[in-house]
PDB file of N, CA and C in Angstrom:
ATOM      1  N   MET A   1     -27.722   9.882 -66.122  1.00  0.00           N
ATOM      2  CA  MET A   1     -27.500   8.750 -67.012  1.00  0.00           C
ATOM      3  C   MET A   1     -27.910   7.472 -66.279  1.00  0.00           C
ATOM      4  N   THR A   2     -28.594   6.573 -66.964  1.00  0.00           N
ATOM      5  CA  THR A   2     -29.015   5.320 -66.349  1.00  0.00           C
ATOM      6  C   THR A   2     -27.988   4.238 -66.619  1.00  0.00           C
ATOM      7  N   ASP A   3     -27.958   3.252 -65.736  1.00  0.00           N
ATOM      8  CA  ASP A   3     -27.056   2.120 -65.920  1.00  0.00           C
ATOM      9  C   ASP A   3     -27.571   1.244 -67.051  1.00  0.00           C
ATOM     10  N   PRO A   4     -26.665   0.689 -67.838  1.00  0.00           N
ATOM     11  CA  PRO A   4     -27.109  -0.230 -68.885  1.00  0.00           C
ATOM     12  C   PRO A   4     -27.706  -1.492 -68.251  1.00  0.00           C
ATOM     13  N   VAL A   5     -28.667  -2.068 -68.928  1.00  0.00           N
ATOM     14  CA  VAL A   5     -29.310  -3.274 -68.438  1.00  0.00           C
ATOM     15  C   VAL A   5     -28.415  -4.470 -68.768  1.00  0.00           C
ATOM     16  N   SER A   6     -28.173  -5.305 -67.778  1.00  0.00           N
ATOM     17  CA  SER A   6     -27.312  -6.463 -68.004  1.00  0.00           C
ATOM     18  C   SER A   6     -28.076  -7.572 -68.728  1.00  0.00           C
ATOM     19  N   GLU A   7     -27.322  -8.507 -69.288  1.00  0.00           N
ATOM     20  CA  GLU A   7     -27.936  -9.649 -69.944  1.00  0.00           C
ATOM     21  C   GLU A   7     -28.766 -10.462 -68.945  1.00  0.00           C
ATOM     22  N   ALA A   8     -28.274 -10.572 -67.724  1.00  0.00           N
ATOM     23  CA  ALA A   8     -29.012 -11.297 -66.692  1.00  0.00           C
ATOM     24  C   ALA A   8     -30.349 -10.610 -66.408  1.00  0.00           C
ATOM     25  N   ASP A   9     -30.349  -9.289 -66.385  1.00  0.00           N
ATOM     26  CA  ASP A   9     -31.592  -8.548 -66.164  1.00  0.00           C
ATOM     27  C   ASP A   9     -32.571  -8.780 -67.311  1.00  0.00           C
ATOM     28  N   LEU A  10     -32.060  -8.793 -68.529  1.00  0.00           N
ATOM     29  CA  LEU A  10     -32.910  -9.035 -69.694  1.00  0.00           C
ATOM     30  C   LEU A  10     -33.534 -10.428 -69.622  1.00  0.00           C
ATOM     31  N   LEU A  11     -32.728 -11.424 -69.242  1.00  0.00           N
ATOM     32  CA  LEU A  11     -33.246 -12.790 -69.117  1.00  0.00           C
ATOM     33  C   LEU A  11     -34.265 -12.900 -67.992  1.00  0.00           C
ATOM     34  N   ASP A  12     -33.964 -12.270 -66.858  1.00  0.00           N
ATOM     35  CA  ASP A  12     -34.905 -12.292 -65.735  1.00  0.00           C
ATOM     36  C   ASP A  12     -36.250 -11.694 -66.135  1.00  0.00           C
ATOM     37  N   ALA A  13     -36.211 -10.584 -66.827  1.00  0.00           N
ATOM     38  CA  ALA A  13     -37.451  -9.933 -67.263  1.00  0.00           C
ATOM     39  C   ALA A  13     -38.229 -10.832 -68.220  1.00  0.00           C
ATOM     40  N   TRP A  14     -37.523 -11.498 -69.135  1.00  0.00           N
ATOM     41  CA  TRP A  14     -38.169 -12.401 -70.086  1.00  0.00           C
ATOM     42  C   TRP A  14     -38.811 -13.584 -69.377  1.00  0.00           C
ATOM     43  N   LEU A  15     -38.093 -14.164 -68.435  1.00  0.00           N
ATOM     44  CA  LEU A  15     -38.621 -15.314 -67.700  1.00  0.00           C
ATOM     45  C   LEU A  15     -39.797 -14.926 -66.812  1.00  0.00           C
ATOM     46  N   ALA A  16     -39.887 -13.651 -66.474  1.00  0.00           N
ATOM     47  CA  ALA A  16     -41.019 -13.156 -65.680  1.00  0.00           C
ATOM     48  C   ALA A  16     -42.195 -12.742 -66.556  1.00  0.00           C
ATOM     49  N   GLY A  17     -42.056 -12.931 -67.888  1.00  0.00           N
ATOM     50  CA  GLY A  17     -43.162 -12.616 -68.785  1.00  0.00           C
ATOM     51  C   GLY A  17     -42.949 -11.408 -69.663  1.00  0.00           C
ATOM     52  N   GLY A  18     -41.771 -10.824 -69.597  1.00  0.00           N
ATOM     53  CA  GLY A  18     -41.482  -9.636 -70.400  1.00  0.00           C
ATOM     54  C   GLY A  18     -41.049  -9.969 -71.813  1.00  0.00           C
ATOM     55  N   ALA A  19     -40.548  -8.963 -72.482  1.00  0.00           N
ATOM     56  CA  ALA A  19     -40.097  -9.104 -73.872  1.00  0.00           C
ATOM     57  C   ALA A  19     -38.843  -9.972 -73.945  1.00  0.00           C
ATOM     58  N   ALA A  20     -38.720 -10.673 -75.055  1.00  0.00           N
ATOM     59  CA  ALA A  20     -37.558 -11.536 -75.264  1.00  0.00           C
ATOM     60  C   ALA A  20     -36.298 -10.700 -75.468  1.00  0.00           C
ATOM     61  N   PRO A  21     -35.197 -11.126 -74.871  1.00  0.00           N
ATOM     62  CA  PRO A  21     -33.930 -10.450 -75.120  1.00  0.00           C
ATOM     63  C   PRO A  21     -33.406 -10.824 -76.508  1.00  0.00           C
ATOM     64  N   PRO A  22     -32.322 -10.231 -76.936  1.00  0.00           N
ATOM     65  CA  PRO A  22     -31.748 -10.608 -78.230  1.00  0.00           C
ATOM     66  C   PRO A  22     -31.438 -12.112 -78.279  1.00  0.00           C
ATOM     67  N   ARG A  23     -31.572 -12.666 -79.463  1.00  0.00           N
ATOM     68  CA  ARG A  23     -31.329 -14.099 -79.668  1.00  0.00           C
ATOM     69  C   ARG A  23     -29.953 -14.522 -79.136  1.00  0.00           C
ATOM     70  N   SER A  24     -28.959 -13.678 -79.313  1.00  0.00           N
ATOM     71  CA  SER A  24     -27.606 -14.013 -78.852  1.00  0.00           C
ATOM     72  C   SER A  24     -27.543 -14.184 -77.344  1.00  0.00           C
ATOM     73  N   VAL A  25     -28.332 -13.418 -76.619  1.00  0.00           N
ATOM     74  CA  VAL A  25     -28.374 -13.520 -75.149  1.00  0.00           C
ATOM     75  C   VAL A  25     -29.013 -14.849 -74.744  1.00  0.00           C
ATOM     76  N   ILE A  26     -30.096 -15.205 -75.404  1.00  0.00           N
ATOM     77  CA  ILE A  26     -30.768 -16.475 -75.111  1.00  0.00           C
ATOM     78  C   ILE A  26     -29.829 -17.638 -75.429  1.00  0.00           C
ATOM     79  N   LYS A  27     -29.194 -17.587 -76.588  1.00  0.00           N
ATOM     80  CA  LYS A  27     -28.298 -18.664 -77.005  1.00  0.00           C
ATOM     81  C   LYS A  27     -27.177 -18.861 -76.001  1.00  0.00           C
ATOM     82  N   GLU A  28     -26.568 -17.795 -75.574  1.00  0.00           N
ATOM     83  CA  GLU A  28     -25.474 -17.889 -74.616  1.00  0.00           C
ATOM     84  C   GLU A  28     -25.949 -18.466 -73.279  1.00  0.00           C
ATOM     85  N   ALA A  29     -27.097 -18.035 -72.813  1.00  0.00           N
ATOM     86  CA  ALA A  29     -27.633 -18.546 -71.549  1.00  0.00           C
ATOM     87  C   ALA A  29     -27.950 -20.038 -71.641  1.00  0.00           C
ATOM     88  N   VAL A  30     -28.526 -20.455 -72.759  1.00  0.00           N
ATOM     89  CA  VAL A  30     -28.828 -21.879 -72.958  1.00  0.00           C
ATOM     90  C   VAL A  30     -27.538 -22.686 -72.981  1.00  0.00           C
ATOM     91  N   LYS A  31     -26.555 -22.240 -73.749  1.00  0.00           N
ATOM     92  CA  LYS A  31     -25.290 -22.980 -73.849  1.00  0.00           C
ATOM     93  C   LYS A  31     -24.585 -23.070 -72.495  1.00  0.00           C
ATOM     94  N   GLU A  32     -24.563 -21.966 -71.756  1.00  0.00           N
ATOM     95  CA  GLU A  32     -23.914 -21.976 -70.439  1.00  0.00           C
ATOM     96  C   GLU A  32     -24.630 -22.908 -69.473  1.00  0.00           C
ATOM     97  N   SER A  33     -25.951 -22.885 -69.481  1.00  0.00           N
ATOM     98  CA  SER A  33     -26.694 -23.731 -68.555  1.00  0.00           C
ATOM     99  C   SER A  33     -26.580 -25.209 -68.925  1.00  0.00           C
ATOM    100  N   LEU A  34     -26.568 -25.519 -70.218  1.00  0.00           N
ATOM    101  CA  LEU A  34     -26.374 -26.914 -70.623  1.00  0.00           C
ATOM    102  C   LEU A  34     -24.971 -27.392 -70.271  1.00  0.00           C
ATOM    103  N   ALA A  35     -23.984 -26.533 -70.402  1.00  0.00           N
ATOM    104  CA  ALA A  35     -22.614 -26.896 -70.003  1.00  0.00           C
ATOM    105  C   ALA A  35     -22.558 -27.173 -68.504  1.00  0.00           C
ATOM    106  N   ALA A  36     -23.271 -26.372 -67.720  1.00  0.00           N
ATOM    107  CA  ALA A  36     -23.315 -26.596 -66.272  1.00  0.00           C
ATOM    108  C   ALA A  36     -23.988 -27.930 -65.946  1.00  0.00           C
ATOM    109  N   LEU A  37     -25.040 -28.269 -66.681  1.00  0.00           N
ATOM    110  CA  LEU A  37     -25.709 -29.559 -66.488  1.00  0.00           C
ATOM    111  C   LEU A  37     -24.753 -30.700 -66.800  1.00  0.00           C
ATOM    112  N   ALA A  38     -24.051 -30.622 -67.925  1.00  0.00           N
ATOM    113  CA  ALA A  38     -23.107 -31.673 -68.313  1.00  0.00           C
ATOM    114  C   ALA A  38     -21.958 -31.790 -67.314  1.00  0.00           C
ATOM    115  N   GLU A  39     -21.560 -30.683 -66.729  1.00  0.00           N
ATOM    116  CA  GLU A  39     -20.506 -30.706 -65.715  1.00  0.00           C
ATOM    117  C   GLU A  39     -21.016 -31.347 -64.431  1.00  0.00           C
ATOM    118  N   ARG A  40     -22.251 -31.061 -64.075  1.00  0.00           N
ATOM    119  CA  ARG A  40     -22.852 -31.612 -62.863  1.00  0.00           C
ATOM    120  C   ARG A  40     -23.092 -33.118 -62.994  1.00  0.00           C
ATOM    121  N   ALA A  41     -23.455 -33.558 -64.183  1.00  0.00           N
ATOM    122  CA  ALA A  41     -23.784 -34.970 -64.407  1.00  0.00           C
ATOM    123  C   ALA A  41     -23.144 -35.450 -65.705  1.00  0.00           C
ATOM    124  N   PRO A  42     -21.819 -35.639 -65.697  1.00  0.00           N
ATOM    125  CA  PRO A  42     -21.156 -36.066 -66.927  1.00  0.00           C
ATOM    126  C   PRO A  42     -21.631 -37.452 -67.360  1.00  0.00           C
ATOM    127  N   GLY A  43     -21.654 -37.649 -68.638  1.00  0.00           N
ATOM    128  CA  GLY A  43     -22.059 -38.932 -69.196  1.00  0.00           C
ATOM    129  C   GLY A  43     -22.692 -38.742 -70.550  1.00  0.00           C
ATOM    130  N   ARG A  44     -23.234 -39.848 -71.086  1.00  0.00           N
ATOM    131  CA  ARG A  44     -23.802 -39.779 -72.424  1.00  0.00           C
ATOM    132  C   ARG A  44     -25.077 -40.600 -72.543  1.00  0.00           C
ATOM    133  N   SER A  45     -25.783 -40.797 -71.434  1.00  0.00           N
ATOM    134  CA  SER A  45     -26.973 -41.639 -71.516  1.00  0.00           C
ATOM    135  C   SER A  45     -28.269 -40.869 -71.761  1.00  0.00           C
ATOM    136  N   VAL A  46     -28.276 -39.554 -71.546  1.00  0.00           N
ATOM    137  CA  VAL A  46     -29.468 -38.731 -71.779  1.00  0.00           C
ATOM    138  C   VAL A  46     -29.059 -37.542 -72.640  1.00  0.00           C
ATOM    139  N   GLU A  47     -29.854 -37.253 -73.645  1.00  0.00           N
ATOM    140  CA  GLU A  47     -29.606 -36.076 -74.479  1.00  0.00           C
ATOM    141  C   GLU A  47     -30.641 -35.012 -74.137  1.00  0.00           C
ATOM    142  N   VAL A  48     -30.166 -33.824 -73.821  1.00  0.00           N
ATOM    143  CA  VAL A  48     -31.039 -32.685 -73.531  1.00  0.00           C
ATOM    144  C   VAL A  48     -30.939 -31.743 -74.716  1.00  0.00           C
ATOM    145  N   ARG A  49     -32.094 -31.476 -75.337  1.00  0.00           N
ATOM    146  CA  ARG A  49     -32.143 -30.651 -76.551  1.00  0.00           C
ATOM    147  C   ARG A  49     -32.949 -29.384 -76.304  1.00  0.00           C
ATOM    148  N   ILE A  50     -32.359 -28.256 -76.664  1.00  0.00           N
ATOM    149  CA  ILE A  50     -33.033 -26.966 -76.586  1.00  0.00           C
ATOM    150  C   ILE A  50     -32.913 -26.330 -77.973  1.00  0.00           C
ATOM    151  N   PRO A  51     -33.753 -26.777 -78.911  1.00  0.00           N
ATOM    152  CA  PRO A  51     -33.653 -26.243 -80.271  1.00  0.00           C
ATOM    153  C   PRO A  51     -34.129 -24.797 -80.340  1.00  0.00           C
ATOM    154  N   PRO A  52     -33.541 -24.003 -81.172  1.00  0.00           N
ATOM    155  CA  PRO A  52     -32.456 -24.282 -82.108  1.00  0.00           C
ATOM    156  C   PRO A  52     -31.085 -23.964 -81.532  1.00  0.00           C
ATOM    157  N   TYR A  53     -30.984 -23.847 -80.230  1.00  0.00           N
ATOM    158  CA  TYR A  53     -29.777 -23.309 -79.616  1.00  0.00           C
ATOM    159  C   TYR A  53     -28.668 -24.317 -79.336  1.00  0.00           C
ATOM    160  N   ALA A  54     -28.995 -25.450 -78.733  1.00  0.00           N
ATOM    161  CA  ALA A  54     -27.932 -26.377 -78.341  1.00  0.00           C
ATOM    162  C   ALA A  54     -28.530 -27.688 -77.857  1.00  0.00           C
ATOM    163  N   ALA A  55     -27.644 -28.659 -77.729  1.00  0.00           N
ATOM    164  CA  ALA A  55     -27.991 -29.952 -77.144  1.00  0.00           C
ATOM    165  C   ALA A  55     -26.752 -30.464 -76.420  1.00  0.00           C
ATOM    166  N   VAL A  56     -26.971 -31.289 -75.413  1.00  0.00           N
ATOM    167  CA  VAL A  56     -25.861 -31.845 -74.655  1.00  0.00           C
ATOM    168  C   VAL A  56     -26.243 -33.247 -74.197  1.00  0.00           C
ATOM    169  N   GLN A  57     -25.241 -34.080 -74.040  1.00  0.00           N
ATOM    170  CA  GLN A  57     -25.463 -35.395 -73.455  1.00  0.00           C
ATOM    171  C   GLN A  57     -24.933 -35.357 -72.033  1.00  0.00           C
ATOM    172  N   CYS A  58     -25.643 -36.058 -71.148  1.00  0.00           N
ATOM    173  CA  CYS A  58     -25.267 -36.042 -69.747  1.00  0.00           C
ATOM    174  C   CYS A  58     -25.702 -37.343 -69.077  1.00  0.00           C
ATOM    175  N   ILE A  59     -25.394 -37.488 -67.838  1.00  0.00           N
ATOM    176  CA  ILE A  59     -25.751 -38.588 -66.946  1.00  0.00           C
ATOM    177  C   ILE A  59     -25.013 -39.874 -67.327  1.00  0.00           C
ATOM    178  N   GLU A  60     -24.304 -40.402 -66.340  1.00  0.00           N
ATOM    179  CA  GLU A  60     -23.535 -41.632 -66.535  1.00  0.00           C
ATOM    180  C   GLU A  60     -24.437 -42.791 -66.899  1.00  0.00           C
ATOM    181  N   GLY A  61     -23.884 -43.729 -67.621  1.00  0.00           N
ATOM    182  CA  GLY A  61     -24.621 -44.917 -68.012  1.00  0.00           C
ATOM    183  C   GLY A  61     -24.319 -45.271 -69.444  1.00  0.00           C
ATOM    184  N   PRO A  62     -25.061 -46.223 -69.980  1.00  0.00           N
ATOM    185  CA  PRO A  62     -24.815 -46.631 -71.361  1.00  0.00           C
ATOM    186  C   PRO A  62     -24.992 -45.462 -72.318  1.00  0.00           C
ATOM    187  N   ARG A  63     -24.113 -45.370 -73.277  1.00  0.00           N
ATOM    188  CA  ARG A  63     -24.213 -44.288 -74.248  1.00  0.00           C
ATOM    189  C   ARG A  63     -24.749 -44.826 -75.558  1.00  0.00           C
ATOM    190  N   HIS A  64     -25.394 -43.962 -76.294  1.00  0.00           N
ATOM    191  CA  HIS A  64     -25.848 -44.356 -77.619  1.00  0.00           C
ATOM    192  C   HIS A  64     -24.818 -43.884 -78.639  1.00  0.00           C
ATOM    193  N   THR A  65     -24.717 -44.618 -79.744  1.00  0.00           N
ATOM    194  CA  THR A  65     -23.725 -44.244 -80.742  1.00  0.00           C
ATOM    195  C   THR A  65     -24.326 -43.944 -82.108  1.00  0.00           C
ATOM    196  N   ARG A  66     -25.536 -44.449 -82.361  1.00  0.00           N
ATOM    197  CA  ARG A  66     -26.143 -44.177 -83.667  1.00  0.00           C
ATOM    198  C   ARG A  66     -27.639 -44.000 -83.514  1.00  0.00           C
ATOM    199  N   GLY A  67     -28.192 -43.188 -84.395  1.00  0.00           N
ATOM    200  CA  GLY A  67     -29.638 -43.002 -84.394  1.00  0.00           C
ATOM    201  C   GLY A  67     -30.122 -42.136 -83.250  1.00  0.00           C
ATOM    202  N   THR A  68     -31.403 -42.191 -83.034  1.00  0.00           N
ATOM    203  CA  THR A  68     -32.026 -41.405 -81.979  1.00  0.00           C
ATOM    204  C   THR A  68     -31.722 -42.030 -80.627  1.00  0.00           C
ATOM    205  N   PRO A  69     -31.237 -41.248 -79.681  1.00  0.00           N
ATOM    206  CA  PRO A  69     -30.943 -41.804 -78.362  1.00  0.00           C
ATOM    207  C   PRO A  69     -32.227 -42.234 -77.655  1.00  0.00           C
ATOM    208  N   PRO A  70     -32.142 -43.246 -76.785  1.00  0.00           N
ATOM    209  CA  PRO A  70     -33.340 -43.734 -76.108  1.00  0.00           C
ATOM    210  C   PRO A  70     -33.859 -42.801 -75.012  1.00  0.00           C
ATOM    211  N   ASN A  71     -33.018 -41.935 -74.488  1.00  0.00           N
ATOM    212  CA  ASN A  71     -33.389 -41.038 -73.398  1.00  0.00           C
ATOM    213  C   ASN A  71     -33.199 -39.594 -73.842  1.00  0.00           C
ATOM    214  N   ILE A  72     -34.320 -38.891 -74.017  1.00  0.00           N
ATOM    215  CA  ILE A  72     -34.269 -37.532 -74.550  1.00  0.00           C
ATOM    216  C   ILE A  72     -35.139 -36.605 -73.711  1.00  0.00           C
ATOM    217  N   VAL A  73     -34.621 -35.414 -73.478  1.00  0.00           N
ATOM    218  CA  VAL A  73     -35.382 -34.323 -72.890  1.00  0.00           C
ATOM    219  C   VAL A  73     -35.332 -33.196 -73.913  1.00  0.00           C
ATOM    220  N   GLU A  74     -36.492 -32.645 -74.253  1.00  0.00           N
ATOM    221  CA  GLU A  74     -36.518 -31.543 -75.221  1.00  0.00           C
ATOM    222  C   GLU A  74     -37.529 -30.496 -74.773  1.00  0.00           C
ATOM    223  N   THR A  75     -37.130 -29.239 -74.901  1.00  0.00           N
ATOM    224  CA  THR A  75     -38.005 -28.131 -74.559  1.00  0.00           C
ATOM    225  C   THR A  75     -37.515 -26.867 -75.248  1.00  0.00           C
ATOM    226  N   ASP A  76     -38.277 -25.805 -75.104  1.00  0.00           N
ATOM    227  CA  ASP A  76     -37.877 -24.511 -75.670  1.00  0.00           C
ATOM    228  C   ASP A  76     -36.944 -23.789 -74.691  1.00  0.00           C
ATOM    229  N   ALA A  77     -36.295 -22.755 -75.175  1.00  0.00           N
ATOM    230  CA  ALA A  77     -35.301 -22.031 -74.387  1.00  0.00           C
ATOM    231  C   ALA A  77     -35.903 -21.401 -73.131  1.00  0.00           C
ATOM    232  N   ARG A  78     -37.051 -20.802 -73.266  1.00  0.00           N
ATOM    233  CA  ARG A  78     -37.658 -20.123 -72.110  1.00  0.00           C
ATOM    234  C   ARG A  78     -37.979 -21.126 -70.996  1.00  0.00           C
ATOM    235  N   THR A  79     -38.557 -22.251 -71.362  1.00  0.00           N
ATOM    236  CA  THR A  79     -38.868 -23.278 -70.367  1.00  0.00           C
ATOM    237  C   THR A  79     -37.595 -23.823 -69.738  1.00  0.00           C
ATOM    238  N   TRP A  80     -36.591 -24.109 -70.577  1.00  0.00           N
ATOM    239  CA  TRP A  80     -35.337 -24.643 -70.056  1.00  0.00           C
ATOM    240  C   TRP A  80     -34.698 -23.684 -69.054  1.00  0.00           C
ATOM    241  N   LEU A  81     -34.620 -22.419 -69.416  1.00  0.00           N
ATOM    242  CA  LEU A  81     -33.983 -21.455 -68.514  1.00  0.00           C
ATOM    243  C   LEU A  81     -34.792 -21.265 -67.235  1.00  0.00           C
ATOM    244  N   ALA A  82     -36.112 -21.370 -67.328  1.00  0.00           N
ATOM    245  CA  ALA A  82     -36.944 -21.311 -66.114  1.00  0.00           C
ATOM    246  C   ALA A  82     -36.661 -22.519 -65.220  1.00  0.00           C
ATOM    247  N   LEU A  83     -36.494 -23.682 -65.807  1.00  0.00           N
ATOM    248  CA  LEU A  83     -36.142 -24.878 -65.037  1.00  0.00           C
ATOM    249  C   LEU A  83     -34.751 -24.735 -64.428  1.00  0.00           C
ATOM    250  N   ALA A  84     -33.803 -24.298 -65.232  1.00  0.00           N
ATOM    251  CA  ALA A  84     -32.414 -24.195 -64.789  1.00  0.00           C
ATOM    252  C   ALA A  84     -32.237 -23.200 -63.644  1.00  0.00           C
ATOM    253  N   THR A  85     -33.080 -22.185 -63.606  1.00  0.00           N
ATOM    254  CA  THR A  85     -32.962 -21.162 -62.559  1.00  0.00           C
ATOM    255  C   THR A  85     -33.918 -21.379 -61.394  1.00  0.00           C
ATOM    256  N   GLY A  86     -34.717 -22.423 -61.459  1.00  0.00           N
ATOM    257  CA  GLY A  86     -35.625 -22.720 -60.361  1.00  0.00           C
ATOM    258  C   GLY A  86     -36.941 -21.971 -60.398  1.00  0.00           C
ATOM    259  N   ARG A  87     -37.229 -21.296 -61.491  1.00  0.00           N
ATOM    260  CA  ARG A  87     -38.501 -20.582 -61.614  1.00  0.00           C
ATOM    261  C   ARG A  87     -39.645 -21.514 -61.986  1.00  0.00           C
ATOM    262  N   LEU A  88     -39.299 -22.709 -62.469  1.00  0.00           N
ATOM    263  CA  LEU A  88     -40.289 -23.687 -62.902  1.00  0.00           C
ATOM    264  C   LEU A  88     -39.882 -25.047 -62.362  1.00  0.00           C
ATOM    265  N   ASN A  89     -40.862 -25.794 -61.924  1.00  0.00           N
ATOM    266  CA  ASN A  89     -40.663 -27.126 -61.375  1.00  0.00           C
ATOM    267  C   ASN A  89     -40.718 -28.165 -62.494  1.00  0.00           C
ATOM    268  N   TRP A  90     -39.830 -29.156 -62.453  1.00  0.00           N
ATOM    269  CA  TRP A  90     -39.752 -30.207 -63.466  1.00  0.00           C
ATOM    270  C   TRP A  90     -41.092 -30.917 -63.638  1.00  0.00           C
ATOM    271  N   THR A  91     -41.705 -31.320 -62.557  1.00  0.00           N
ATOM    272  CA  THR A  91     -42.970 -32.056 -62.615  1.00  0.00           C
ATOM    273  C   THR A  91     -44.052 -31.226 -63.292  1.00  0.00           C
ATOM    274  N   ASP A  92     -44.113 -29.958 -62.956  1.00  0.00           N
ATOM    275  CA  ASP A  92     -45.101 -29.079 -63.584  1.00  0.00           C
ATOM    276  C   ASP A  92     -44.837 -28.917 -65.080  1.00  0.00           C
ATOM    277  N   ALA A  93     -43.568 -28.777 -65.449  1.00  0.00           N
ATOM    278  CA  ALA A  93     -43.218 -28.587 -66.863  1.00  0.00           C
ATOM    279  C   ALA A  93     -43.546 -29.838 -67.686  1.00  0.00           C
ATOM    280  N   VAL A  94     -43.235 -31.000 -67.154  1.00  0.00           N
ATOM    281  CA  VAL A  94     -43.551 -32.242 -67.864  1.00  0.00           C
ATOM    282  C   VAL A  94     -45.063 -32.427 -67.929  1.00  0.00           C
ATOM    283  N   GLY A  95     -45.738 -32.167 -66.812  1.00  0.00           N
ATOM    284  CA  GLY A  95     -47.190 -32.314 -66.757  1.00  0.00           C
ATOM    285  C   GLY A  95     -47.930 -31.396 -67.710  1.00  0.00           C
ATOM    286  N   SER A  96     -47.402 -30.201 -67.914  1.00  0.00           N
ATOM    287  CA  SER A  96     -48.061 -29.245 -68.808  1.00  0.00           C
ATOM    288  C   SER A  96     -47.702 -29.482 -70.271  1.00  0.00           C
ATOM    289  N   GLY A  97     -46.732 -30.346 -70.520  1.00  0.00           N
ATOM    290  CA  GLY A  97     -46.323 -30.626 -71.889  1.00  0.00           C
ATOM    291  C   GLY A  97     -45.277 -29.683 -72.443  1.00  0.00           C
ATOM    292  N   THR A  98     -44.765 -28.775 -71.636  1.00  0.00           N
ATOM    293  CA  THR A  98     -43.735 -27.872 -72.136  1.00  0.00           C
ATOM    294  C   THR A  98     -42.372 -28.548 -72.203  1.00  0.00           C
ATOM    295  N   VAL A  99     -42.236 -29.682 -71.505  1.00  0.00           N
ATOM    296  CA  VAL A  99     -41.033 -30.502 -71.588  1.00  0.00           C
ATOM    297  C   VAL A  99     -41.440 -31.864 -72.106  1.00  0.00           C
ATOM    298  N   SER A 100     -40.753 -32.311 -73.140  1.00  0.00           N
ATOM    299  CA  SER A 100     -40.945 -33.661 -73.667  1.00  0.00           C
ATOM    300  C   SER A 100     -39.826 -34.518 -73.091  1.00  0.00           C
ATOM    301  N   SER A 101     -40.191 -35.592 -72.414  1.00  0.00           N
ATOM    302  CA  SER A 101     -39.223 -36.454 -71.758  1.00  0.00           C
ATOM    303  C   SER A 101     -39.515 -37.886 -72.154  1.00  0.00           C
ATOM    304  N   SER A 102     -38.540 -38.551 -72.783  1.00  0.00           N
ATOM    305  CA  SER A 102     -38.757 -39.938 -73.174  1.00  0.00           C
ATOM    306  C   SER A 102     -37.587 -40.793 -72.714  1.00  0.00           C
ATOM    307  N   GLY A 103     -37.881 -42.016 -72.384  1.00  0.00           N
ATOM    308  CA  GLY A 103     -36.876 -42.948 -71.905  1.00  0.00           C
ATOM    309  C   GLY A 103     -36.851 -43.011 -70.391  1.00  0.00           C
ATOM    310  N   SER A 104     -36.376 -44.118 -69.886  1.00  0.00           N
ATOM    311  CA  SER A 104     -36.390 -44.347 -68.441  1.00  0.00           C
ATOM    312  C   SER A 104     -35.414 -43.466 -67.674  1.00  0.00           C
ATOM    313  N   ARG A 105     -34.365 -42.984 -68.320  1.00  0.00           N
ATOM    314  CA  ARG A 105     -33.357 -42.168 -67.632  1.00  0.00           C
ATOM    315  C   ARG A 105     -33.612 -40.667 -67.746  1.00  0.00           C
ATOM    316  N   ALA A 106     -34.452 -40.251 -68.672  1.00  0.00           N
ATOM    317  CA  ALA A 106     -34.683 -38.820 -68.898  1.00  0.00           C
ATOM    318  C   ALA A 106     -35.160 -38.075 -67.648  1.00  0.00           C
ATOM    319  N   PRO A 107     -36.038 -38.651 -66.823  1.00  0.00           N
ATOM    320  CA  PRO A 107     -36.476 -37.911 -65.636  1.00  0.00           C
ATOM    321  C   PRO A 107     -35.356 -37.576 -64.646  1.00  0.00           C
ATOM    322  N   GLU A 108     -34.211 -38.227 -64.765  1.00  0.00           N
ATOM    323  CA  GLU A 108     -33.087 -37.914 -63.885  1.00  0.00           C
ATOM    324  C   GLU A 108     -32.606 -36.481 -64.064  1.00  0.00           C
ATOM    325  N   VAL A 109     -32.859 -35.918 -65.229  1.00  0.00           N
ATOM    326  CA  VAL A 109     -32.484 -34.519 -65.465  1.00  0.00           C
ATOM    327  C   VAL A 109     -33.219 -33.624 -64.464  1.00  0.00           C
ATOM    328  N   GLY A 110     -34.489 -33.918 -64.218  1.00  0.00           N
ATOM    329  CA  GLY A 110     -35.276 -33.116 -63.284  1.00  0.00           C
ATOM    330  C   GLY A 110     -34.681 -33.073 -61.893  1.00  0.00           C
ATOM    331  N   ALA A 111     -34.043 -34.158 -61.473  1.00  0.00           N
ATOM    332  CA  ALA A 111     -33.428 -34.205 -60.147  1.00  0.00           C
ATOM    333  C   ALA A 111     -32.177 -33.334 -60.057  1.00  0.00           C
ATOM    334  N   LEU A 112     -31.650 -32.927 -61.199  1.00  0.00           N
ATOM    335  CA  LEU A 112     -30.433 -32.096 -61.227  1.00  0.00           C
ATOM    336  C   LEU A 112     -30.752 -30.607 -61.268  1.00  0.00           C
ATOM    337  N   LEU A 113     -32.021 -30.278 -61.354  1.00  0.00           N
ATOM    338  CA  LEU A 113     -32.452 -28.883 -61.487  1.00  0.00           C
ATOM    339  C   LEU A 113     -33.048 -28.377 -60.183  1.00  0.00           C
ATOM    340  N   PRO A 114     -32.930 -27.113 -59.878  1.00  0.00           N
ATOM    341  CA  PRO A 114     -32.278 -26.052 -60.656  1.00  0.00           C
ATOM    342  C   PRO A 114     -30.756 -26.167 -60.588  1.00  0.00           C
ATOM    343  N   LEU A 115     -30.108 -25.493 -61.501  1.00  0.00           N
ATOM    344  CA  LEU A 115     -28.651 -25.534 -61.596  1.00  0.00           C
ATOM    345  C   LEU A 115     -27.956 -24.558 -60.660  1.00  0.00           C
ATOM    346  N   ARG A 116     -28.646 -23.511 -60.244  1.00  0.00           N
ATOM    347  CA  ARG A 116     -28.013 -22.541 -59.340  1.00  0.00           C
ATOM    348  C   ARG A 116     -28.444 -22.787 -57.925  1.00  0.00           C
TER     349      ARG A 116
END
């Protein structure tokens, strides 16, 4: 009998170019990593969006209360998890266009990565 494959193994394989794990596994990994980011840099001056899974506000400083926030980071789940685990460099991701970063404070997110 073989050991069951863990969710971490499924994510690792996906980030290495393999098949996508179940949506629920991706969603949980995104939510956990965004929570870790918010814990590492509490605040409300930058919004990090990983549609359709989750978004979080982080980094101390002025907060926005209405409309589109001035400092936004947005990317897909695979790119975000690669950044969060250190498989992808922030500068490379922004340079390739896989990460959209707007506002003067948004690049501060890159300095907080990887999360592990």
